[in-house]
Amino acid sequence: IRESLCATEVKSVDYATTVNNLGRVFYMLGDQKTAMNTYVKALILRRELLPPNNLDIAATAYNLGQTYHQLGCLDEAMPLYMEFRSIVSECLGANHRDLAV
């Protein structure tokens, strides 16, 4: 919806956040395939718009990894979980509670 109404925002951080949040809605509704496609789009946008070790990239990588995990695609999930771990460890420290998941 936002994409069609605000074409100028398609490459903004706010738009990437909206796409990530839509992915979460699809995930919570049990529509993992749509969630996966939505998270892929959000991750591409966030990687284009944000510094490499940004926590928003980590969050979307984790969300996509979780979705792949639920779909049984473990080979796709693991690198995303590792990316999440690496970014969070660097930004928040190796003993941060988010790494205990």
PDB file of N, CA and C in Angstrom:
ATOM      1  N   ILE A   1       0.840  -1.191   0.000  1.00  0.00           N
ATOM      2  CA  ILE A   1       0.000   0.000   0.000  1.00  0.00           C
ATOM      3  C   ILE A   1       0.880   1.246   0.000  1.00  0.00           C
ATOM      4  N   ARG A   2       1.825   1.270   0.954  1.00  0.00           N
ATOM      5  CA  ARG A   2       2.691   2.437   1.059  1.00  0.00           C
ATOM      6  C   ARG A   2       3.511   2.627  -0.212  1.00  0.00           C
ATOM      7  N   GLU A   3       3.940   1.511  -0.808  1.00  0.00           N
ATOM      8  CA  GLU A   3       4.729   1.587  -2.033  1.00  0.00           C
ATOM      9  C   GLU A   3       3.955   2.280  -3.141  1.00  0.00           C
ATOM     10  N   SER A   4       2.687   1.953  -3.283  1.00  0.00           N
ATOM     11  CA  SER A   4       1.903   2.554  -4.358  1.00  0.00           C
ATOM     12  C   SER A   4       1.535   4.008  -4.062  1.00  0.00           C
ATOM     13  N   LEU A   5       1.396   4.374  -2.804  1.00  0.00           N
ATOM     14  CA  LEU A   5       1.019   5.739  -2.453  1.00  0.00           C
ATOM     15  C   LEU A   5       2.207   6.686  -2.383  1.00  0.00           C
ATOM     16  N   CYS A   6       3.354   6.166  -1.995  1.00  0.00           N
ATOM     17  CA  CYS A   6       4.518   7.016  -1.752  1.00  0.00           C
ATOM     18  C   CYS A   6       5.731   6.461  -2.481  1.00  0.00           C
ATOM     19  N   ALA A   7       5.708   6.509  -3.774  1.00  0.00           N
ATOM     20  CA  ALA A   7       6.790   5.913  -4.563  1.00  0.00           C
ATOM     21  C   ALA A   7       8.148   6.506  -4.215  1.00  0.00           C
ATOM     22  N   THR A   8       8.191   7.741  -3.752  1.00  0.00           N
ATOM     23  CA  THR A   8       9.476   8.352  -3.423  1.00  0.00           C
ATOM     24  C   THR A   8      10.092   7.753  -2.163  1.00  0.00           C
ATOM     25  N   GLU A   9       9.316   7.076  -1.337  1.00  0.00           N
ATOM     26  CA  GLU A   9       9.823   6.495  -0.106  1.00  0.00           C
ATOM     27  C   GLU A   9      10.285   5.052  -0.265  1.00  0.00           C
ATOM     28  N   VAL A  10      10.205   4.499  -1.455  1.00  0.00           N
ATOM     29  CA  VAL A  10      10.518   3.094  -1.659  1.00  0.00           C
ATOM     30  C   VAL A  10      11.953   2.775  -1.254  1.00  0.00           C
ATOM     31  N   LYS A  11      12.850   3.743  -1.317  1.00  0.00           N
ATOM     32  CA  LYS A  11      14.239   3.521  -0.940  1.00  0.00           C
ATOM     33  C   LYS A  11      14.587   4.229   0.366  1.00  0.00           C
ATOM     34  N   SER A  12      13.659   4.295   1.309  1.00  0.00           N
ATOM     35  CA  SER A  12      13.937   4.949   2.580  1.00  0.00           C
ATOM     36  C   SER A  12      14.024   3.927   3.700  1.00  0.00           C
ATOM     37  N   VAL A  13      14.685   4.317   4.769  1.00  0.00           N
ATOM     38  CA  VAL A  13      14.806   3.453   5.942  1.00  0.00           C
ATOM     39  C   VAL A  13      13.425   3.197   6.550  1.00  0.00           C
ATOM     40  N   ASP A  14      12.579   4.214   6.566  1.00  0.00           N
ATOM     41  CA  ASP A  14      11.224   4.030   7.098  1.00  0.00           C
ATOM     42  C   ASP A  14      10.444   3.007   6.285  1.00  0.00           C
ATOM     43  N   TYR A  15      10.577   3.073   4.981  1.00  0.00           N
ATOM     44  CA  TYR A  15       9.896   2.103   4.126  1.00  0.00           C
ATOM     45  C   TYR A  15      10.423   0.695   4.398  1.00  0.00           C
ATOM     46  N   ALA A  16      11.739   0.550   4.542  1.00  0.00           N
ATOM     47  CA  ALA A  16      12.334  -0.759   4.841  1.00  0.00           C
ATOM     48  C   ALA A  16      11.799  -1.299   6.165  1.00  0.00           C
ATOM     49  N   THR A  17      11.610  -0.420   7.141  1.00  0.00           N
ATOM     50  CA  THR A  17      11.050  -0.835   8.432  1.00  0.00           C
ATOM     51  C   THR A  17       9.609  -1.296   8.269  1.00  0.00           C
ATOM     52  N   THR A  18       8.848  -0.589   7.457  1.00  0.00           N
ATOM     53  CA  THR A  18       7.467  -0.987   7.193  1.00  0.00           C
ATOM     54  C   THR A  18       7.417  -2.359   6.529  1.00  0.00           C
ATOM     55  N   VAL A  19       8.293  -2.591   5.574  1.00  0.00           N
ATOM     56  CA  VAL A  19       8.339  -3.893   4.895  1.00  0.00           C
ATOM     57  C   VAL A  19       8.698  -4.989   5.895  1.00  0.00           C
ATOM     58  N   ASN A  20       9.679  -4.733   6.766  1.00  0.00           N
ATOM     59  CA  ASN A  20      10.037  -5.706   7.794  1.00  0.00           C
ATOM     60  C   ASN A  20       8.835  -6.008   8.696  1.00  0.00           C
ATOM     61  N   ASN A  21       8.126  -4.966   9.101  1.00  0.00           N
ATOM     62  CA  ASN A  21       6.965  -5.146   9.980  1.00  0.00           C
ATOM     63  C   ASN A  21       5.849  -5.926   9.283  1.00  0.00           C
ATOM     64  N   LEU A  22       5.669  -5.700   8.003  1.00  0.00           N
ATOM     65  CA  LEU A  22       4.693  -6.488   7.253  1.00  0.00           C
ATOM     66  C   LEU A  22       5.103  -7.962   7.225  1.00  0.00           C
ATOM     67  N   GLY A  23       6.399  -8.198   7.104  1.00  0.00           N
ATOM     68  CA  GLY A  23       6.886  -9.578   7.173  1.00  0.00           C
ATOM     69  C   GLY A  23       6.486 -10.236   8.478  1.00  0.00           C
ATOM     70  N   ARG A  24       6.588  -9.499   9.584  1.00  0.00           N
ATOM     71  CA  ARG A  24       6.218 -10.042  10.894  1.00  0.00           C
ATOM     72  C   ARG A  24       4.731 -10.356  10.934  1.00  0.00           C
ATOM     73  N   VAL A  25       3.919  -9.503  10.346  1.00  0.00           N
ATOM     74  CA  VAL A  25       2.472  -9.759  10.320  1.00  0.00           C
ATOM     75  C   VAL A  25       2.191 -11.054   9.560  1.00  0.00           C
ATOM     76  N   PHE A  26       2.783 -11.217   8.384  1.00  0.00           N
ATOM     77  CA  PHE A  26       2.579 -12.452   7.619  1.00  0.00           C
ATOM     78  C   PHE A  26       3.069 -13.663   8.410  1.00  0.00           C
ATOM     79  N   TYR A  27       4.200 -13.523   9.087  1.00  0.00           N
ATOM     80  CA  TYR A  27       4.739 -14.629   9.898  1.00  0.00           C
ATOM     81  C   TYR A  27       3.748 -15.003  10.999  1.00  0.00           C
ATOM     82  N   MET A  28       3.246 -14.005  11.699  1.00  0.00           N
ATOM     83  CA  MET A  28       2.319 -14.264  12.811  1.00  0.00           C
ATOM     84  C   MET A  28       0.990 -14.838  12.312  1.00  0.00           C
ATOM     85  N   LEU A  29       0.632 -14.526  11.080  1.00  0.00           N
ATOM     86  CA  LEU A  29      -0.586 -15.101  10.494  1.00  0.00           C
ATOM     87  C   LEU A  29      -0.366 -16.530   9.993  1.00  0.00           C
ATOM     88  N   GLY A  30       0.876 -16.989  10.053  1.00  0.00           N
ATOM     89  CA  GLY A  30       1.192 -18.342   9.597  1.00  0.00           C
ATOM     90  C   GLY A  30       1.484 -18.443   8.114  1.00  0.00           C
ATOM     91  N   ASP A  31       1.625 -17.331   7.449  1.00  0.00           N
ATOM     92  CA  ASP A  31       1.919 -17.313   6.016  1.00  0.00           C
ATOM     93  C   ASP A  31       3.430 -17.127   5.828  1.00  0.00           C
ATOM     94  N   GLN A  32       4.191 -18.194   6.128  1.00  0.00           N
ATOM     95  CA  GLN A  32       5.643 -18.114   6.107  1.00  0.00           C
ATOM     96  C   GLN A  32       6.224 -17.803   4.729  1.00  0.00           C
ATOM     97  N   LYS A  33       5.595 -18.283   3.677  1.00  0.00           N
ATOM     98  CA  LYS A  33       6.142 -18.020   2.339  1.00  0.00           C
ATOM     99  C   LYS A  33       6.053 -16.543   1.982  1.00  0.00           C
ATOM    100  N   THR A  34       4.931 -15.911   2.304  1.00  0.00           N
ATOM    101  CA  THR A  34       4.822 -14.477   2.055  1.00  0.00           C
ATOM    102  C   THR A  34       5.738 -13.709   3.000  1.00  0.00           C
ATOM    103  N   ALA A  35       5.830 -14.164   4.236  1.00  0.00           N
ATOM    104  CA  ALA A  35       6.751 -13.538   5.191  1.00  0.00           C
ATOM    105  C   ALA A  35       8.180 -13.615   4.671  1.00  0.00           C
ATOM    106  N   MET A  36       8.572 -14.772   4.161  1.00  0.00           N
ATOM    107  CA  MET A  36       9.924 -14.949   3.639  1.00  0.00           C
ATOM    108  C   MET A  36      10.196 -13.939   2.522  1.00  0.00           C
ATOM    109  N   ASN A  37       9.309 -13.854   1.563  1.00  0.00           N
ATOM    110  CA  ASN A  37       9.499 -12.924   0.446  1.00  0.00           C
ATOM    111  C   ASN A  37       9.553 -11.476   0.920  1.00  0.00           C
ATOM    112  N   THR A  38       8.744 -11.154   1.905  1.00  0.00           N
ATOM    113  CA  THR A  38       8.705  -9.802   2.440  1.00  0.00           C
ATOM    114  C   THR A  38       9.987  -9.488   3.201  1.00  0.00           C
ATOM    115  N   TYR A  39      10.453 -10.428   4.016  1.00  0.00           N
ATOM    116  CA  TYR A  39      11.712 -10.227   4.744  1.00  0.00           C
ATOM    117  C   TYR A  39      12.907 -10.113   3.793  1.00  0.00           C
ATOM    118  N   VAL A  40      12.903 -10.880   2.721  1.00  0.00           N
ATOM    119  CA  VAL A  40      13.989 -10.774   1.741  1.00  0.00           C
ATOM    120  C   VAL A  40      14.036  -9.350   1.190  1.00  0.00           C
ATOM    121  N   LYS A  41      12.891  -8.816   0.843  1.00  0.00           N
ATOM    122  CA  LYS A  41      12.827  -7.447   0.324  1.00  0.00           C
ATOM    123  C   LYS A  41      13.313  -6.449   1.377  1.00  0.00           C
ATOM    124  N   ALA A  42      12.877  -6.625   2.619  1.00  0.00           N
ATOM    125  CA  ALA A  42      13.301  -5.723   3.698  1.00  0.00           C
ATOM    126  C   ALA A  42      14.804  -5.805   3.931  1.00  0.00           C
ATOM    127  N   LEU A  43      15.355  -7.017   3.885  1.00  0.00           N
ATOM    128  CA  LEU A  43      16.788  -7.181   4.114  1.00  0.00           C
ATOM    129  C   LEU A  43      17.601  -6.545   2.991  1.00  0.00           C
ATOM    130  N   ILE A  44      17.161  -6.711   1.763  1.00  0.00           N
ATOM    131  CA  ILE A  44      17.848  -6.070   0.634  1.00  0.00           C
ATOM    132  C   ILE A  44      17.842  -4.552   0.822  1.00  0.00           C
ATOM    133  N   LEU A  45      16.691  -4.003   1.154  1.00  0.00           N
ATOM    134  CA  LEU A  45      16.595  -2.555   1.355  1.00  0.00           C
ATOM    135  C   LEU A  45      17.484  -2.096   2.501  1.00  0.00           C
ATOM    136  N   ARG A  46      17.427  -2.789   3.626  1.00  0.00           N
ATOM    137  CA  ARG A  46      18.224  -2.376   4.775  1.00  0.00           C
ATOM    138  C   ARG A  46      19.717  -2.486   4.483  1.00  0.00           C
ATOM    139  N   ARG A  47      20.124  -3.517   3.762  1.00  0.00           N
ATOM    140  CA  ARG A  47      21.542  -3.638   3.409  1.00  0.00           C
ATOM    141  C   ARG A  47      21.984  -2.516   2.473  1.00  0.00           C
ATOM    142  N   GLU A  48      21.097  -2.046   1.632  1.00  0.00           N
ATOM    143  CA  GLU A  48      21.415  -0.938   0.726  1.00  0.00           C
ATOM    144  C   GLU A  48      21.480   0.399   1.462  1.00  0.00           C
ATOM    145  N   LEU A  49      20.632   0.569   2.469  1.00  0.00           N
ATOM    146  CA  LEU A  49      20.445   1.885   3.085  1.00  0.00           C
ATOM    147  C   LEU A  49      21.206   2.114   4.388  1.00  0.00           C
ATOM    148  N   LEU A  50      21.605   1.042   5.050  1.00  0.00           N
ATOM    149  CA  LEU A  50      22.195   1.161   6.384  1.00  0.00           C
ATOM    150  C   LEU A  50      23.644   0.689   6.412  1.00  0.00           C
ATOM    151  N   PRO A  51      24.400   1.119   7.410  1.00  0.00           N
ATOM    152  CA  PRO A  51      25.766   0.601   7.568  1.00  0.00           C
ATOM    153  C   PRO A  51      25.738  -0.911   7.800  1.00  0.00           C
ATOM    154  N   PRO A  52      26.801  -1.616   7.438  1.00  0.00           N
ATOM    155  CA  PRO A  52      26.797  -3.086   7.468  1.00  0.00           C
ATOM    156  C   PRO A  52      26.494  -3.718   8.825  1.00  0.00           C
ATOM    157  N   ASN A  53      26.872  -3.083   9.898  1.00  0.00           N
ATOM    158  CA  ASN A  53      26.653  -3.685  11.218  1.00  0.00           C
ATOM    159  C   ASN A  53      25.540  -2.997  11.997  1.00  0.00           C
ATOM    160  N   ASN A  54      24.507  -2.624  11.312  1.00  0.00           N
ATOM    161  CA  ASN A  54      23.366  -1.962  11.926  1.00  0.00           C
ATOM    162  C   ASN A  54      22.433  -3.005  12.550  1.00  0.00           C
ATOM    163  N   LEU A  55      21.909  -2.691  13.724  1.00  0.00           N
ATOM    164  CA  LEU A  55      21.031  -3.634  14.424  1.00  0.00           C
ATOM    165  C   LEU A  55      19.722  -3.908  13.679  1.00  0.00           C
ATOM    166  N   ASP A  56      19.273  -2.980  12.849  1.00  0.00           N
ATOM    167  CA  ASP A  56      18.073  -3.234  12.054  1.00  0.00           C
ATOM    168  C   ASP A  56      18.326  -4.324  11.015  1.00  0.00           C
ATOM    169  N   ILE A  57      19.532  -4.348  10.457  1.00  0.00           N
ATOM    170  CA  ILE A  57      19.897  -5.432   9.543  1.00  0.00           C
ATOM    171  C   ILE A  57      19.902  -6.751  10.311  1.00  0.00           C
ATOM    172  N   ALA A  58      20.454  -6.733  11.513  1.00  0.00           N
ATOM    173  CA  ALA A  58      20.484  -7.945  12.338  1.00  0.00           C
ATOM    174  C   ALA A  58      19.074  -8.453  12.622  1.00  0.00           C
ATOM    175  N   ALA A  59      18.171  -7.538  12.940  1.00  0.00           N
ATOM    176  CA  ALA A  59      16.794  -7.936  13.259  1.00  0.00           C
ATOM    177  C   ALA A  59      16.116  -8.596  12.064  1.00  0.00           C
ATOM    178  N   THR A  60      16.279  -8.006  10.888  1.00  0.00           N
ATOM    179  CA  THR A  60      15.653  -8.586   9.703  1.00  0.00           C
ATOM    180  C   THR A  60      16.315  -9.901   9.323  1.00  0.00           C
ATOM    181  N   ALA A  61      17.638  -9.983   9.469  1.00  0.00           N
ATOM    182  CA  ALA A  61      18.332 -11.251   9.198  1.00  0.00           C
ATOM    183  C   ALA A  61      17.796 -12.343  10.131  1.00  0.00           C
ATOM    184  N   TYR A  62      17.599 -12.017  11.390  1.00  0.00           N
ATOM    185  CA  TYR A  62      17.047 -12.986  12.339  1.00  0.00           C
ATOM    186  C   TYR A  62      15.627 -13.384  11.941  1.00  0.00           C
ATOM    187  N   ASN A  63      14.804 -12.400  11.599  1.00  0.00           N
ATOM    188  CA  ASN A  63      13.422 -12.689  11.212  1.00  0.00           C
ATOM    189  C   ASN A  63      13.371 -13.609   9.997  1.00  0.00           C
ATOM    190  N   LEU A  64      14.208 -13.323   9.006  1.00  0.00           N
ATOM    191  CA  LEU A  64      14.245 -14.167   7.810  1.00  0.00           C
ATOM    192  C   LEU A  64      14.778 -15.550   8.152  1.00  0.00           C
ATOM    193  N   GLY A  65      15.800 -15.609   8.989  1.00  0.00           N
ATOM    194  CA  GLY A  65      16.328 -16.901   9.426  1.00  0.00           C
ATOM    195  C   GLY A  65      15.272 -17.723  10.150  1.00  0.00           C
ATOM    196  N   GLN A  66      14.525 -17.078  11.011  1.00  0.00           N
ATOM    197  CA  GLN A  66      13.449 -17.752  11.744  1.00  0.00           C
ATOM    198  C   GLN A  66      12.390 -18.294  10.780  1.00  0.00           C
ATOM    199  N   THR A  67      12.090 -17.525   9.765  1.00  0.00           N
ATOM    200  CA  THR A  67      11.099 -17.947   8.774  1.00  0.00           C
ATOM    201  C   THR A  67      11.608 -19.150   7.982  1.00  0.00           C
ATOM    202  N   TYR A  68      12.863 -19.074   7.515  1.00  0.00           N
ATOM    203  CA  TYR A  68      13.452 -20.229   6.830  1.00  0.00           C
ATOM    204  C   TYR A  68      13.450 -21.453   7.744  1.00  0.00           C
ATOM    205  N   HIS A  69      13.775 -21.252   9.009  1.00  0.00           N
ATOM    206  CA  HIS A  69      13.783 -22.340   9.980  1.00  0.00           C
ATOM    207  C   HIS A  69      12.403 -23.005  10.061  1.00  0.00           C
ATOM    208  N   GLN A  70      11.364 -22.190  10.157  1.00  0.00           N
ATOM    209  CA  GLN A  70      10.004 -22.714  10.226  1.00  0.00           C
ATOM    210  C   GLN A  70       9.607 -23.465   8.959  1.00  0.00           C
ATOM    211  N   LEU A  71      10.177 -23.058   7.831  1.00  0.00           N
ATOM    212  CA  LEU A  71       9.898 -23.732   6.558  1.00  0.00           C
ATOM    213  C   LEU A  71      10.769 -24.970   6.359  1.00  0.00           C
ATOM    214  N   GLY A  72      11.677 -25.236   7.310  1.00  0.00           N
ATOM    215  CA  GLY A  72      12.555 -26.396   7.204  1.00  0.00           C
ATOM    216  C   GLY A  72      13.767 -26.173   6.320  1.00  0.00           C
ATOM    217  N   CYS A  73      14.039 -24.931   5.970  1.00  0.00           N
ATOM    218  CA  CYS A  73      15.181 -24.582   5.109  1.00  0.00           C
ATOM    219  C   CYS A  73      16.363 -24.184   5.992  1.00  0.00           C
ATOM    220  N   LEU A  74      16.939 -25.169   6.664  1.00  0.00           N
ATOM    221  CA  LEU A  74      17.970 -24.889   7.655  1.00  0.00           C
ATOM    222  C   LEU A  74      19.258 -24.362   7.048  1.00  0.00           C
ATOM    223  N   ASP A  75      19.597 -24.799   5.836  1.00  0.00           N
ATOM    224  CA  ASP A  75      20.807 -24.298   5.185  1.00  0.00           C
ATOM    225  C   ASP A  75      20.702 -22.807   4.874  1.00  0.00           C
ATOM    226  N   GLU A  76      19.507 -22.312   4.638  1.00  0.00           N
ATOM    227  CA  GLU A  76      19.300 -20.894   4.403  1.00  0.00           C
ATOM    228  C   GLU A  76      19.229 -20.126   5.726  1.00  0.00           C
ATOM    229  N   ALA A  77      18.703 -20.761   6.764  1.00  0.00           N
ATOM    230  CA  ALA A  77      18.537 -20.097   8.057  1.00  0.00           C
ATOM    231  C   ALA A  77      19.868 -19.850   8.761  1.00  0.00           C
ATOM    232  N   MET A  78      20.773 -20.812   8.719  1.00  0.00           N
ATOM    233  CA  MET A  78      21.997 -20.717   9.513  1.00  0.00           C
ATOM    234  C   MET A  78      22.845 -19.487   9.212  1.00  0.00           C
ATOM    235  N   PRO A  79      23.137 -19.142   7.949  1.00  0.00           N
ATOM    236  CA  PRO A  79      23.947 -17.936   7.718  1.00  0.00           C
ATOM    237  C   PRO A  79      23.277 -16.653   8.225  1.00  0.00           C
ATOM    238  N   LEU A  80      21.968 -16.623   8.195  1.00  0.00           N
ATOM    239  CA  LEU A  80      21.244 -15.455   8.688  1.00  0.00           C
ATOM    240  C   LEU A  80      21.328 -15.368  10.206  1.00  0.00           C
ATOM    241  N   TYR A  81      21.200 -16.490  10.883  1.00  0.00           N
ATOM    242  CA  TYR A  81      21.390 -16.513  12.335  1.00  0.00           C
ATOM    243  C   TYR A  81      22.813 -16.096  12.696  1.00  0.00           C
ATOM    244  N   MET A  82      23.789 -16.541  11.918  1.00  0.00           N
ATOM    245  CA  MET A  82      25.184 -16.196  12.178  1.00  0.00           C
ATOM    246  C   MET A  82      25.429 -14.698  11.941  1.00  0.00           C
ATOM    247  N   GLU A  83      24.800 -14.148  10.920  1.00  0.00           N
ATOM    248  CA  GLU A  83      24.912 -12.707  10.677  1.00  0.00           C
ATOM    249  C   GLU A  83      24.325 -11.932  11.849  1.00  0.00           C
ATOM    250  N   PHE A  84      23.153 -12.355  12.312  1.00  0.00           N
ATOM    251  CA  PHE A  84      22.528 -11.733  13.480  1.00  0.00           C
ATOM    252  C   PHE A  84      23.479 -11.769  14.668  1.00  0.00           C
ATOM    253  N   ARG A  85      24.021 -12.938  14.932  1.00  0.00           N
ATOM    254  CA  ARG A  85      24.925 -13.121  16.071  1.00  0.00           C
ATOM    255  C   ARG A  85      26.148 -12.209  15.964  1.00  0.00           C
ATOM    256  N   SER A  86      26.717 -12.133  14.793  1.00  0.00           N
ATOM    257  CA  SER A  86      27.907 -11.316  14.573  1.00  0.00           C
ATOM    258  C   SER A  86      27.623  -9.834  14.809  1.00  0.00           C
ATOM    259  N   ILE A  87      26.540  -9.342  14.256  1.00  0.00           N
ATOM    260  CA  ILE A  87      26.205  -7.919  14.390  1.00  0.00           C
ATOM    261  C   ILE A  87      25.878  -7.588  15.838  1.00  0.00           C
ATOM    262  N   VAL A  88      25.056  -8.401  16.476  1.00  0.00           N
ATOM    263  CA  VAL A  88      24.666  -8.121  17.863  1.00  0.00           C
ATOM    264  C   VAL A  88      25.879  -8.195  18.784  1.00  0.00           C
ATOM    265  N   SER A  89      26.724  -9.175  18.567  1.00  0.00           N
ATOM    266  CA  SER A  89      27.927  -9.307  19.381  1.00  0.00           C
ATOM    267  C   SER A  89      28.817  -8.076  19.242  1.00  0.00           C
ATOM    268  N   GLU A  90      28.979  -7.605  18.029  1.00  0.00           N
ATOM    269  CA  GLU A  90      29.818  -6.429  17.788  1.00  0.00           C
ATOM    270  C   GLU A  90      29.198  -5.162  18.370  1.00  0.00           C
ATOM    271  N   CYS A  91      27.897  -5.006  18.212  1.00  0.00           N
ATOM    272  CA  CYS A  91      27.231  -3.775  18.648  1.00  0.00           C
ATOM    273  C   CYS A  91      26.912  -3.747  20.143  1.00  0.00           C
ATOM    274  N   LEU A  92      26.527  -4.881  20.688  1.00  0.00           N
ATOM    275  CA  LEU A  92      26.025  -4.911  22.066  1.00  0.00           C
ATOM    276  C   LEU A  92      26.884  -5.731  23.024  1.00  0.00           C
ATOM    277  N   GLY A  93      27.858  -6.444  22.493  1.00  0.00           N
ATOM    278  CA  GLY A  93      28.728  -7.252  23.344  1.00  0.00           C
ATOM    279  C   GLY A  93      28.344  -8.722  23.313  1.00  0.00           C
ATOM    280  N   ALA A  94      29.343  -9.561  23.505  1.00  0.00           N
ATOM    281  CA  ALA A  94      29.163 -11.008  23.402  1.00  0.00           C
ATOM    282  C   ALA A  94      28.256 -11.583  24.484  1.00  0.00           C
ATOM    283  N   ASN A  95      28.039 -10.855  25.568  1.00  0.00           N
ATOM    284  CA  ASN A  95      27.207 -11.363  26.657  1.00  0.00           C
ATOM    285  C   ASN A  95      25.807 -10.771  26.675  1.00  0.00           C
ATOM    286  N   HIS A  96      25.428 -10.118  25.588  1.00  0.00           N
ATOM    287  CA  HIS A  96      24.095  -9.502  25.544  1.00  0.00           C
ATOM    288  C   HIS A  96      23.010 -10.576  25.555  1.00  0.00           C
ATOM    289  N   ARG A  97      21.909 -10.282  26.186  1.00  0.00           N
ATOM    290  CA  ARG A  97      20.809 -11.248  26.331  1.00  0.00           C
ATOM    291  C   ARG A  97      20.213 -11.694  25.005  1.00  0.00           C
ATOM    292  N   ASP A  98      20.261 -10.863  23.965  1.00  0.00           N
ATOM    293  CA  ASP A  98      19.720 -11.264  22.666  1.00  0.00           C
ATOM    294  C   ASP A  98      20.502 -12.416  22.045  1.00  0.00           C
ATOM    295  N   LEU A  99      21.722 -12.643  22.498  1.00  0.00           N
ATOM    296  CA  LEU A  99      22.511 -13.749  21.970  1.00  0.00           C
ATOM    297  C   LEU A  99      22.206 -15.061  22.670  1.00  0.00           C
ATOM    298  N   ALA A 100      21.366 -15.018  23.669  1.00  0.00           N
ATOM    299  CA  ALA A 100      21.012 -16.241  24.400  1.00  0.00           C
ATOM    300  C   ALA A 100      19.850 -16.976  23.756  1.00  0.00           C
ATOM    301  N   VAL A 101      19.326 -16.463  22.641  1.00  0.00           N
ATOM    302  CA  VAL A 101      18.186 -17.114  21.984  1.00  0.00           C
ATOM    303  C   VAL A 101      18.591 -18.362  21.250  1.00  0.00           C
TER     304      VAL A 101
END
